[in-house]
Amino acid sequence: MNGTVDLPASPTHAGILRKKIALTDWIAILKDQTATGDRLSREVPSMLDDPAISETQVRTLFAALEKQADFIEKLRMALEKFGHDFAVVKAAERLEERYSDLAATVAERLKAMRG
């Protein structure tokens, strides 16, 4: 085997193959990001409760969560674009909300630190 994959001769079959690969990749990304979101939902509150956390650390955490929320928004839009089932798109929406909620919680802590 030379490491290449022969695509079907029919353009229709090739299109279906490409779409199937794209669907699989987006689902895998969503699953990975959901696991990360679950972990962060547990870890962020304890990070914020640590009295030794600095304003710089809180600001960095906020920026990272905002960036993650933006990424998930783009992921949701891609899932919609590629015609995924409503349940899959809805899962991405919930994940987007989770990251936005976490960022809002961190923003409140930052606001409190600034007095």
Protein backbone atom coordinates (compact mmCIF):
# COMPACT_ATOMS: atom_id res chain seq x y z
CA MET A 1 0.00 0.00 0.00
CA ASN A 2 1.38 3.40 -0.96
CA GLY A 3 -0.50 5.52 1.59
CA THR A 4 -2.95 7.01 -0.90
CA VAL A 5 -6.68 6.55 -1.08
CA ASP A 6 -8.42 6.07 -4.39
CA LEU A 7 -11.59 8.14 -4.59
CA PRO A 8 -14.57 6.73 -6.44
CA ALA A 9 -14.80 7.72 -10.09
CA SER A 10 -18.22 9.27 -9.66
CA PRO A 11 -18.17 12.94 -8.53
CA THR A 12 -21.33 12.24 -6.53
CA HIS A 13 -19.65 9.47 -4.56
CA ALA A 14 -16.57 11.61 -4.01
CA GLY A 15 -18.77 14.41 -2.65
CA ILE A 16 -20.52 12.02 -0.27
CA LEU A 17 -17.15 10.72 0.93
CA ARG A 18 -15.88 14.27 1.57
CA LYS A 19 -19.09 15.18 3.42
CA LYS A 20 -18.87 12.06 5.57
CA ILE A 21 -15.27 12.89 6.52
CA ALA A 22 -16.27 16.48 7.37
CA LEU A 23 -19.19 15.27 9.50
CA THR A 24 -17.01 12.88 11.45
CA ASP A 25 -14.39 15.54 12.14
CA TRP A 26 -16.92 18.12 13.40
CA ILE A 27 -18.56 15.58 15.70
CA ALA A 28 -15.19 14.57 17.12
CA ILE A 29 -14.33 18.21 17.75
CA LEU A 30 -17.68 18.78 19.46
CA LYS A 31 -17.17 15.74 21.70
CA ASP A 32 -13.66 16.88 22.64
CA GLN A 33 -14.80 20.42 23.34
CA THR A 34 -17.74 19.17 25.41
CA ALA A 35 -15.38 17.13 27.58
CA THR A 36 -13.18 20.20 28.02
CA GLY A 37 -16.25 22.29 28.89
CA ASP A 38 -17.33 19.72 31.49
CA ARG A 39 -13.87 19.81 33.06
CA LEU A 40 -13.71 23.60 33.10
CA SER A 41 -17.19 23.81 34.63
CA ARG A 42 -15.78 21.89 37.58
CA GLU A 43 -12.39 23.61 37.75
CA VAL A 44 -13.17 27.30 37.16
CA PRO A 45 -15.22 27.81 40.36
CA SER A 46 -12.45 26.34 42.52
CA MET A 47 -9.86 28.48 40.71
CA LEU A 48 -11.91 31.59 41.43
CA ASP A 49 -12.38 30.58 45.08
CA ASP A 50 -8.61 30.36 45.60
CA PRO A 51 -7.68 33.44 47.64
CA ALA A 52 -4.20 33.45 46.08
CA ILE A 53 -5.47 33.96 42.52
CA SER A 54 -4.20 37.21 41.03
CA GLU A 55 -6.03 39.73 38.91
CA THR A 56 -3.72 38.87 36.02
CA GLN A 57 -4.63 35.19 36.30
CA VAL A 58 -8.35 36.01 36.37
CA ARG A 59 -7.98 38.31 33.36
CA THR A 60 -6.08 35.57 31.47
CA LEU A 61 -8.75 33.01 32.37
CA PHE A 62 -11.46 35.38 31.15
CA ALA A 63 -9.68 35.94 27.82
CA ALA A 64 -9.24 32.19 27.33
CA LEU A 65 -12.91 31.48 28.04
CA GLU A 66 -14.03 34.26 25.69
CA LYS A 67 -11.79 32.83 22.98
CA GLN A 68 -13.23 29.38 23.60
CA ALA A 69 -16.81 30.70 23.42
CA ASP A 70 -15.98 32.32 20.07
CA PHE A 71 -14.52 29.04 18.79
CA ILE A 72 -17.61 27.11 19.85
CA GLU A 73 -19.81 29.68 18.10
CA LYS A 74 -17.86 29.01 14.88
CA LEU A 75 -18.15 25.28 15.48
CA ARG A 76 -21.93 25.60 15.90
CA MET A 77 -22.16 27.58 12.66
CA ALA A 78 -20.12 24.90 10.85
CA LEU A 79 -22.37 22.16 12.21
CA GLU A 80 -25.40 24.08 10.92
CA LYS A 81 -23.73 24.67 7.56
CA PHE A 82 -22.95 20.99 7.09
CA GLY A 83 -26.53 20.03 7.92
CA HIS A 84 -26.05 18.16 11.16
CA ASP A 85 -29.06 16.98 13.11
CA PHE A 86 -30.86 19.46 15.34
CA ALA A 87 -29.69 17.59 18.46
CA VAL A 88 -26.03 18.02 17.45
CA VAL A 89 -26.44 21.74 16.75
CA LYS A 90 -28.36 22.12 20.02
CA ALA A 91 -25.50 20.44 21.91
CA ALA A 92 -23.10 22.96 20.39
CA GLU A 93 -25.44 25.80 21.41
CA ARG A 94 -25.50 24.53 25.00
CA LEU A 95 -21.71 24.30 25.01
CA GLU A 96 -21.45 27.84 23.65
CA GLU A 97 -23.74 29.02 26.47
CA ARG A 98 -21.66 27.14 29.04
CA TYR A 99 -18.47 28.90 27.96
CA SER A 100 -20.24 32.26 27.90
CA ASP A 101 -21.61 31.64 31.40
CA LEU A 102 -18.16 30.67 32.67
CA ALA A 103 -16.68 33.81 31.12
CA ALA A 104 -19.41 35.91 32.78
CA THR A 105 -18.64 34.32 36.16
CA VAL A 106 -14.95 35.11 35.71
CA ALA A 107 -15.81 38.68 34.63
CA GLU A 108 -17.80 39.14 37.86
CA ARG A 109 -14.82 37.97 39.90
CA LEU A 110 -12.55 40.34 38.00
CA LYS A 111 -14.97 43.19 38.62
CA ALA A 112 -15.04 42.37 42.34
CA MET A 113 -11.23 42.29 42.47
CA ARG A 114 -11.04 45.73 40.91
CA GLY A 115 -13.37 46.98 43.60
